[in-house]
């Protein structure tokens, strides 16, 4: 299951206004505005992110895992398959106290993450 996705954008204000209007019919609204990144969703958690980056920058996609051991297994399998480390498995308290994630770059440089949100 997809947990969240992030896309690179060149103009935060322009893209923010575009997505506020375009996604309003789906019930999406701004959940978090960090200045250089904006998270949108339909409830209280943002599952669609946009962040300031150069055109052609890699995308970010995060998959959900029901337990932390699967985050570890993803990381080991991805590295063994040729992925490059972008964050070993561990707690990311800056996102949420129970946010346990791992990050790798795929062969094209996209940032792939698996996250477990359970303690």
C-alpha atoms as a PDB file:
ATOM      1  CA  UNK A   1       0.000   0.000   0.000  1.00  0.00           C
ATOM      2  CA  UNK A   2       1.192   3.509  -0.722  1.00  0.00           C
ATOM      3  CA  UNK A   3       1.751   5.567   2.434  1.00  0.00           C
ATOM      4  CA  UNK A   4       2.617   8.858   0.756  1.00  0.00           C
ATOM      5  CA  UNK A   5       4.197  10.313  -2.357  1.00  0.00           C
ATOM      6  CA  UNK A   6       6.238  13.439  -2.997  1.00  0.00           C
ATOM      7  CA  UNK A   7       6.867  15.290  -6.217  1.00  0.00           C
ATOM      8  CA  UNK A   8       9.487  17.905  -7.020  1.00  0.00           C
ATOM      9  CA  UNK A   9       8.177  21.325  -8.022  1.00  0.00           C
ATOM     10  CA  UNK A  10       9.944  24.488  -9.143  1.00  0.00           C
ATOM     11  CA  UNK A  11       7.547  27.139  -7.771  1.00  0.00           C
ATOM     12  CA  UNK A  12       5.960  26.329  -4.423  1.00  0.00           C
ATOM     13  CA  UNK A  13       3.359  29.114  -4.465  1.00  0.00           C
ATOM     14  CA  UNK A  14       2.179  28.351  -8.006  1.00  0.00           C
ATOM     15  CA  UNK A  15       1.990  24.599  -7.434  1.00  0.00           C
ATOM     16  CA  UNK A  16       0.335  24.979  -4.045  1.00  0.00           C
ATOM     17  CA  UNK A  17      -2.456  27.084  -5.537  1.00  0.00           C
ATOM     18  CA  UNK A  18      -2.821  24.697  -8.471  1.00  0.00           C
ATOM     19  CA  UNK A  19      -3.171  21.599  -6.291  1.00  0.00           C
ATOM     20  CA  UNK A  20      -5.456  23.324  -3.767  1.00  0.00           C
ATOM     21  CA  UNK A  21      -7.874  24.041  -6.628  1.00  0.00           C
ATOM     22  CA  UNK A  22      -7.357  20.833  -8.601  1.00  0.00           C
ATOM     23  CA  UNK A  23      -7.681  18.449  -5.640  1.00  0.00           C
ATOM     24  CA  UNK A  24     -10.501  20.281  -3.833  1.00  0.00           C
ATOM     25  CA  UNK A  25     -13.164  18.119  -5.527  1.00  0.00           C
ATOM     26  CA  UNK A  26     -11.465  15.073  -3.957  1.00  0.00           C
ATOM     27  CA  UNK A  27     -11.589  16.646  -0.501  1.00  0.00           C
ATOM     28  CA  UNK A  28      -7.849  17.355  -0.358  1.00  0.00           C
ATOM     29  CA  UNK A  29      -6.622  20.328   1.649  1.00  0.00           C
ATOM     30  CA  UNK A  30      -3.308  21.587   2.989  1.00  0.00           C
ATOM     31  CA  UNK A  31      -2.450  19.639   6.137  1.00  0.00           C
ATOM     32  CA  UNK A  32       1.128  20.890   6.639  1.00  0.00           C
ATOM     33  CA  UNK A  33       2.870  23.877   5.111  1.00  0.00           C
ATOM     34  CA  UNK A  34       6.607  23.883   5.829  1.00  0.00           C
ATOM     35  CA  UNK A  35       7.467  26.697   3.448  1.00  0.00           C
ATOM     36  CA  UNK A  36       9.678  24.675   1.080  1.00  0.00           C
ATOM     37  CA  UNK A  37       7.320  21.665   1.232  1.00  0.00           C
ATOM     38  CA  UNK A  38       3.542  21.344   1.429  1.00  0.00           C
ATOM     39  CA  UNK A  39       1.627  18.242   2.476  1.00  0.00           C
ATOM     40  CA  UNK A  40      -1.976  17.698   1.442  1.00  0.00           C
ATOM     41  CA  UNK A  41      -4.546  15.091   2.444  1.00  0.00           C
ATOM     42  CA  UNK A  42      -8.212  14.485   3.130  1.00  0.00           C
ATOM     43  CA  UNK A  43      -8.088  14.017   6.891  1.00  0.00           C
ATOM     44  CA  UNK A  44      -5.338  14.886   9.361  1.00  0.00           C
ATOM     45  CA  UNK A  45      -2.364  13.163   7.674  1.00  0.00           C
ATOM     46  CA  UNK A  46      -0.745  14.356   4.474  1.00  0.00           C
ATOM     47  CA  UNK A  47      -0.283  11.638   1.854  1.00  0.00           C
ATOM     48  CA  UNK A  48       0.604  13.912  -1.073  1.00  0.00           C
ATOM     49  CA  UNK A  49       3.662  16.148  -0.763  1.00  0.00           C
ATOM     50  CA  UNK A  50       5.249  18.698  -3.038  1.00  0.00           C
ATOM     51  CA  UNK A  51       8.685  20.106  -2.397  1.00  0.00           C
ATOM     52  CA  UNK A  52      10.835  22.774  -3.995  1.00  0.00           C
ATOM     53  CA  UNK A  53      13.430  21.199  -6.287  1.00  0.00           C
ATOM     54  CA  UNK A  54      15.015  21.632  -9.672  1.00  0.00           C
ATOM     55  CA  UNK A  55      13.006  20.360 -12.653  1.00  0.00           C
ATOM     56  CA  UNK A  56      13.872  16.730 -13.325  1.00  0.00           C
ATOM     57  CA  UNK A  57      14.679  15.998  -9.674  1.00  0.00           C
ATOM     58  CA  UNK A  58      13.787  12.514  -8.434  1.00  0.00           C
ATOM     59  CA  UNK A  59      10.384  11.696  -6.990  1.00  0.00           C
ATOM     60  CA  UNK A  60       9.684  10.176  -3.582  1.00  0.00           C
ATOM     61  CA  UNK A  61       7.331   7.312  -2.847  1.00  0.00           C
ATOM     62  CA  UNK A  62       6.742   5.603   0.491  1.00  0.00           C
ATOM     63  CA  UNK A  63       5.132   2.225   0.988  1.00  0.00           C
ATOM     64  CA  UNK A  64       3.434   1.161   4.237  1.00  0.00           C
ATOM     65  CA  UNK A  65       4.625  -1.822   6.237  1.00  0.00           C
ATOM     66  CA  UNK A  66       2.530  -3.373   9.021  1.00  0.00           C
ATOM     67  CA  UNK A  67       5.582  -4.113  11.183  1.00  0.00           C
ATOM     68  CA  UNK A  68       9.087  -2.734  11.640  1.00  0.00           C
ATOM     69  CA  UNK A  69      10.810  -5.977  10.655  1.00  0.00           C
ATOM     70  CA  UNK A  70       9.473  -5.532   7.134  1.00  0.00           C
ATOM     71  CA  UNK A  71      11.103  -2.092   6.946  1.00  0.00           C
ATOM     72  CA  UNK A  72      14.418  -3.752   7.785  1.00  0.00           C
ATOM     73  CA  UNK A  73      13.787  -6.523   5.226  1.00  0.00           C
ATOM     74  CA  UNK A  74      12.982  -3.957   2.525  1.00  0.00           C
ATOM     75  CA  UNK A  75      16.183  -2.044   3.215  1.00  0.00           C
ATOM     76  CA  UNK A  76      18.368  -5.176   3.086  1.00  0.00           C
ATOM     77  CA  UNK A  77      16.687  -6.442  -0.094  1.00  0.00           C
ATOM     78  CA  UNK A  78      16.887  -3.058  -1.815  1.00  0.00           C
ATOM     79  CA  UNK A  79      20.587  -2.628  -1.021  1.00  0.00           C
ATOM     80  CA  UNK A  80      21.291  -6.207  -2.169  1.00  0.00           C
ATOM     81  CA  UNK A  81      19.431  -5.455  -5.424  1.00  0.00           C
ATOM     82  CA  UNK A  82      21.674  -2.466  -6.167  1.00  0.00           C
ATOM     83  CA  UNK A  83      19.863   0.338  -4.358  1.00  0.00           C
ATOM     84  CA  UNK A  84      21.897   3.075  -2.698  1.00  0.00           C
ATOM     85  CA  UNK A  85      21.471   3.978   0.958  1.00  0.00           C
ATOM     86  CA  UNK A  86      19.508   7.135   1.692  1.00  0.00           C
ATOM     87  CA  UNK A  87      18.693   6.411   5.349  1.00  0.00           C
ATOM     88  CA  UNK A  88      19.107   3.179   7.282  1.00  0.00           C
ATOM     89  CA  UNK A  89      16.070   1.766   9.139  1.00  0.00           C
ATOM     90  CA  UNK A  90      15.240   3.705  12.264  1.00  0.00           C
ATOM     91  CA  UNK A  91      12.913   6.040  14.109  1.00  0.00           C
ATOM     92  CA  UNK A  92      12.272   9.403  12.445  1.00  0.00           C
ATOM     93  CA  UNK A  93      10.838  11.287  15.436  1.00  0.00           C
ATOM     94  CA  UNK A  94      10.821  14.538  13.459  1.00  0.00           C
ATOM     95  CA  UNK A  95       7.896  13.059  11.487  1.00  0.00           C
ATOM     96  CA  UNK A  96       6.111  11.207  14.297  1.00  0.00           C
ATOM     97  CA  UNK A  97       7.249   9.450  17.520  1.00  0.00           C
ATOM     98  CA  UNK A  98       6.436   5.990  16.073  1.00  0.00           C
ATOM     99  CA  UNK A  99       7.646   6.687  12.509  1.00  0.00           C
ATOM    100  CA  UNK A 100      10.069   3.855  11.638  1.00  0.00           C
ATOM    101  CA  UNK A 101      11.375   4.133   8.104  1.00  0.00           C
ATOM    102  CA  UNK A 102      14.176   3.289   5.712  1.00  0.00           C
ATOM    103  CA  UNK A 103      15.158   5.063   2.501  1.00  0.00           C
ATOM    104  CA  UNK A 104      17.032   3.962  -0.621  1.00  0.00           C
ATOM    105  CA  UNK A 105      17.676   5.435  -4.033  1.00  0.00           C
ATOM    106  CA  UNK A 106      16.466   3.193  -6.862  1.00  0.00           C
ATOM    107  CA  UNK A 107      18.588   2.763 -10.041  1.00  0.00           C
ATOM    108  CA  UNK A 108      17.138   6.007 -11.463  1.00  0.00           C
ATOM    109  CA  UNK A 109      17.779   8.020  -8.313  1.00  0.00           C
ATOM    110  CA  UNK A 110      14.195   8.104  -7.006  1.00  0.00           C
ATOM    111  CA  UNK A 111      13.864   8.126  -3.228  1.00  0.00           C
ATOM    112  CA  UNK A 112      12.024   4.944  -2.197  1.00  0.00           C
ATOM    113  CA  UNK A 113      10.899   4.525   1.398  1.00  0.00           C
ATOM    114  CA  UNK A 114       9.118   1.928   3.487  1.00  0.00           C
ATOM    115  CA  UNK A 115       7.541   3.111   6.728  1.00  0.00           C
ATOM    116  CA  UNK A 116       5.836   1.498   9.696  1.00  0.00           C
ATOM    117  CA  UNK A 117       3.836   3.932  11.812  1.00  0.00           C
ATOM    118  CA  UNK A 118       3.266   1.501  14.694  1.00  0.00           C
ATOM    119  CA  UNK A 119       5.300   1.517  17.899  1.00  0.00           C
END
